[in-house]
């Protein structure tokens, strides 16, 4: 599948600006999704790789542990889609450096310029992010939100970290 101008960059790029999201995430099961495949020897099973890696089956996504180790596990782009455009927008606006931004239009708020996220799925596209999550979190694989007795919105709200400017 072609990814067009959107390319996968890996979560090391995300960490540069979103450090607060990664603090305390060592127990996040998304990070260890690929390790489950290794433990069960399914790490080359294409039926499993779509949900246990980032971007499998997409032109710039996960290919193999050896070729694309930066895309192992379910990373930020596993839910938001390829991040190259997001990184580019922030670098362009920040003169080559990432800048603190808010989702939304083009006005300034609190000294931080607002620009759209540059993602296929993000806060500015809630239907798409739900679709991304539900592509793996299904009853078929035993990972549905019903299993945890929480609906999608409650699970998503408890998972996401507020962005700068979000009401707490």
Protein backbone atom coordinates (compact mmCIF):
# COMPACT_ATOMS: atom_id res chain seq x y z
CA UNK A 1 0.00 0.00 0.00
CA UNK A 2 1.32 3.47 -0.88
CA UNK A 3 1.64 6.08 1.85
CA UNK A 4 2.00 9.14 -0.42
CA UNK A 5 3.58 12.14 1.25
CA UNK A 6 3.02 10.55 4.66
CA UNK A 7 6.04 8.44 5.75
CA UNK A 8 6.74 6.58 8.98
CA UNK A 9 9.54 8.12 11.05
CA UNK A 10 9.53 6.07 14.29
CA UNK A 11 8.87 7.22 17.84
CA UNK A 12 12.39 8.52 18.45
CA UNK A 13 11.27 11.58 16.46
CA UNK A 14 8.14 11.83 18.63
CA UNK A 15 10.17 11.76 21.85
CA UNK A 16 12.06 14.91 20.85
CA UNK A 17 8.98 17.08 21.44
CA UNK A 18 6.58 14.87 23.39
CA UNK A 19 8.81 13.75 26.27
CA UNK A 20 5.97 14.09 28.79
CA UNK A 21 3.97 11.40 27.01
CA UNK A 22 6.77 8.84 27.34
CA UNK A 23 7.33 9.41 31.06
CA UNK A 24 5.76 6.52 32.95
CA UNK A 25 4.95 4.52 29.79
CA UNK A 26 7.29 1.61 30.57
CA UNK A 27 4.27 -0.61 31.38
CA UNK A 28 2.29 0.35 28.28
CA UNK A 29 1.37 -2.93 26.52
CA UNK A 30 1.62 -1.27 23.09
CA UNK A 31 5.40 -1.01 23.49
CA UNK A 32 5.73 -4.75 24.07
CA UNK A 33 3.36 -5.92 21.33
CA UNK A 34 6.18 -7.29 19.16
CA UNK A 35 7.75 -9.15 22.09
CA UNK A 36 4.54 -11.19 22.33
CA UNK A 37 5.09 -12.30 18.75
CA UNK A 38 8.69 -13.27 19.46
CA UNK A 39 7.61 -15.29 22.50
CA UNK A 40 5.07 -17.22 20.43
CA UNK A 41 7.27 -17.42 17.31
CA UNK A 42 4.76 -15.44 15.24
CA UNK A 43 7.17 -12.57 14.52
CA UNK A 44 7.05 -13.26 10.75
CA UNK A 45 3.32 -14.01 10.54
CA UNK A 46 1.75 -11.33 8.34
CA UNK A 47 -1.63 -11.86 10.03
CA UNK A 48 -0.06 -10.71 13.31
CA UNK A 49 2.35 -8.01 12.16
CA UNK A 50 -0.37 -5.51 11.27
CA UNK A 51 -1.35 -5.08 14.92
CA UNK A 52 1.99 -5.76 16.60
CA UNK A 53 4.19 -3.36 14.60
CA UNK A 54 3.93 0.15 13.19
CA UNK A 55 2.91 0.54 9.56
CA UNK A 56 3.18 -3.07 8.40
CA UNK A 57 1.93 -3.41 4.83
CA UNK A 58 2.45 0.27 4.04
CA UNK A 59 5.25 1.47 1.76
CA UNK A 60 7.31 3.22 4.49
CA UNK A 61 6.19 1.02 7.40
CA UNK A 62 7.54 -2.03 9.21
CA UNK A 63 9.14 -4.66 6.97
CA UNK A 64 11.11 -6.86 9.36
CA UNK A 65 12.94 -6.64 12.67
CA UNK A 66 16.23 -6.55 10.76
CA UNK A 67 15.23 -3.94 8.15
CA UNK A 68 13.02 -1.57 10.17
CA UNK A 69 13.79 -1.99 13.89
CA UNK A 70 12.63 1.59 14.57
CA UNK A 71 9.04 0.48 13.81
CA UNK A 72 8.86 -2.56 16.11
CA UNK A 73 5.88 -2.57 18.47
CA UNK A 74 2.84 -0.31 18.42
CA UNK A 75 4.25 3.20 18.47
CA UNK A 76 2.67 6.64 18.19
CA UNK A 77 2.29 6.28 14.42
CA UNK A 78 0.51 2.96 14.89
CA UNK A 79 -2.51 5.00 15.97
CA UNK A 80 -1.90 8.41 14.39
CA UNK A 81 -0.57 7.23 11.06
CA UNK A 82 2.76 8.19 9.47
CA UNK A 83 4.38 11.19 11.20
CA UNK A 84 6.66 12.70 8.55
CA UNK A 85 4.21 15.47 7.67
CA UNK A 86 3.68 16.30 11.36
CA UNK A 87 7.46 16.53 11.87
CA UNK A 88 7.85 18.62 8.70
CA UNK A 89 5.13 21.11 9.70
CA UNK A 90 6.71 21.66 13.08
CA UNK A 91 10.23 21.97 11.66
CA UNK A 92 9.07 24.44 8.97
CA UNK A 93 7.25 26.63 11.51
CA UNK A 94 10.16 26.46 13.95
CA UNK A 95 12.93 27.33 11.51
CA UNK A 96 14.17 23.74 11.42
CA UNK A 97 13.40 23.00 15.06
CA UNK A 98 10.22 21.57 16.53
CA UNK A 99 8.08 24.22 18.21
CA UNK A 100 5.39 23.90 20.88
CA UNK A 101 2.09 23.89 19.01
CA UNK A 102 -1.58 23.37 19.61
CA UNK A 103 -4.00 21.56 17.32
CA UNK A 104 -6.30 23.83 15.38
CA UNK A 105 -6.19 26.91 13.17
CA UNK A 106 -3.50 29.54 12.69
CA UNK A 107 -4.01 31.92 15.64
CA UNK A 108 -1.57 32.41 18.48
CA UNK A 109 -2.58 31.30 21.98
CA UNK A 110 -0.36 31.84 24.98
CA UNK A 111 2.65 32.55 22.77
CA UNK A 112 2.37 29.21 20.99
CA UNK A 113 1.43 29.09 17.33
CA UNK A 114 -1.40 26.76 16.44
CA UNK A 115 -1.03 24.58 13.36
CA UNK A 116 -2.90 21.50 12.23
CA UNK A 117 -1.40 18.24 13.40
CA UNK A 118 -0.28 16.86 10.03
CA UNK A 119 -1.53 13.38 10.87
CA UNK A 120 -3.95 11.08 9.10
CA UNK A 121 -5.51 10.48 12.54
CA UNK A 122 -5.25 12.89 15.45
CA UNK A 123 -7.21 15.18 17.73
CA UNK A 124 -8.33 17.09 14.64
CA UNK A 125 -9.67 13.85 13.08
CA UNK A 126 -11.40 11.88 15.87
CA UNK A 127 -13.28 9.50 13.55
CA UNK A 128 -10.03 8.42 11.91
CA UNK A 129 -8.23 7.83 15.20
CA UNK A 130 -11.14 5.69 16.39
CA UNK A 131 -10.94 3.72 13.14
CA UNK A 132 -7.18 3.21 13.65
CA UNK A 133 -7.66 1.90 17.21
CA UNK A 134 -10.57 -0.34 16.29
CA UNK A 135 -8.62 -1.91 13.43
CA UNK A 136 -6.77 -3.98 16.08
CA UNK A 137 -8.94 -3.67 19.18
CA UNK A 138 -11.67 -6.03 17.99
CA UNK A 139 -13.64 -8.91 19.46
CA UNK A 140 -12.01 -11.20 16.90
CA UNK A 141 -8.60 -10.83 18.55
CA UNK A 142 -9.92 -10.60 22.12
CA UNK A 143 -8.77 -7.01 22.52
CA UNK A 144 -12.04 -5.13 22.21
CA UNK A 145 -12.97 -2.27 24.49
CA UNK A 146 -16.07 -4.22 25.54
CA UNK A 147 -13.78 -6.85 27.08
CA UNK A 148 -12.50 -4.24 29.54
CA UNK A 149 -16.05 -3.00 30.20
CA UNK A 150 -15.02 0.41 28.91
CA UNK A 151 -16.18 2.02 25.73
CA UNK A 152 -13.79 3.42 23.15
CA UNK A 153 -14.01 7.04 24.30
CA UNK A 154 -13.36 6.20 27.96
CA UNK A 155 -10.40 4.00 27.05
CA UNK A 156 -8.97 6.64 24.70
CA UNK A 157 -9.42 9.47 27.20
CA UNK A 158 -7.64 7.50 29.93
CA UNK A 159 -4.79 6.66 27.55
CA UNK A 160 -3.99 9.95 25.87
CA UNK A 161 -1.90 12.65 27.48
CA UNK A 162 -3.28 16.19 27.25
CA UNK A 163 -1.64 18.37 24.62
CA UNK A 164 -0.50 21.90 25.49
CA UNK A 165 -3.63 24.03 25.63
CA UNK A 166 -6.03 21.12 26.32
CA UNK A 167 -8.45 21.74 29.16
CA UNK A 168 -7.65 19.45 32.06
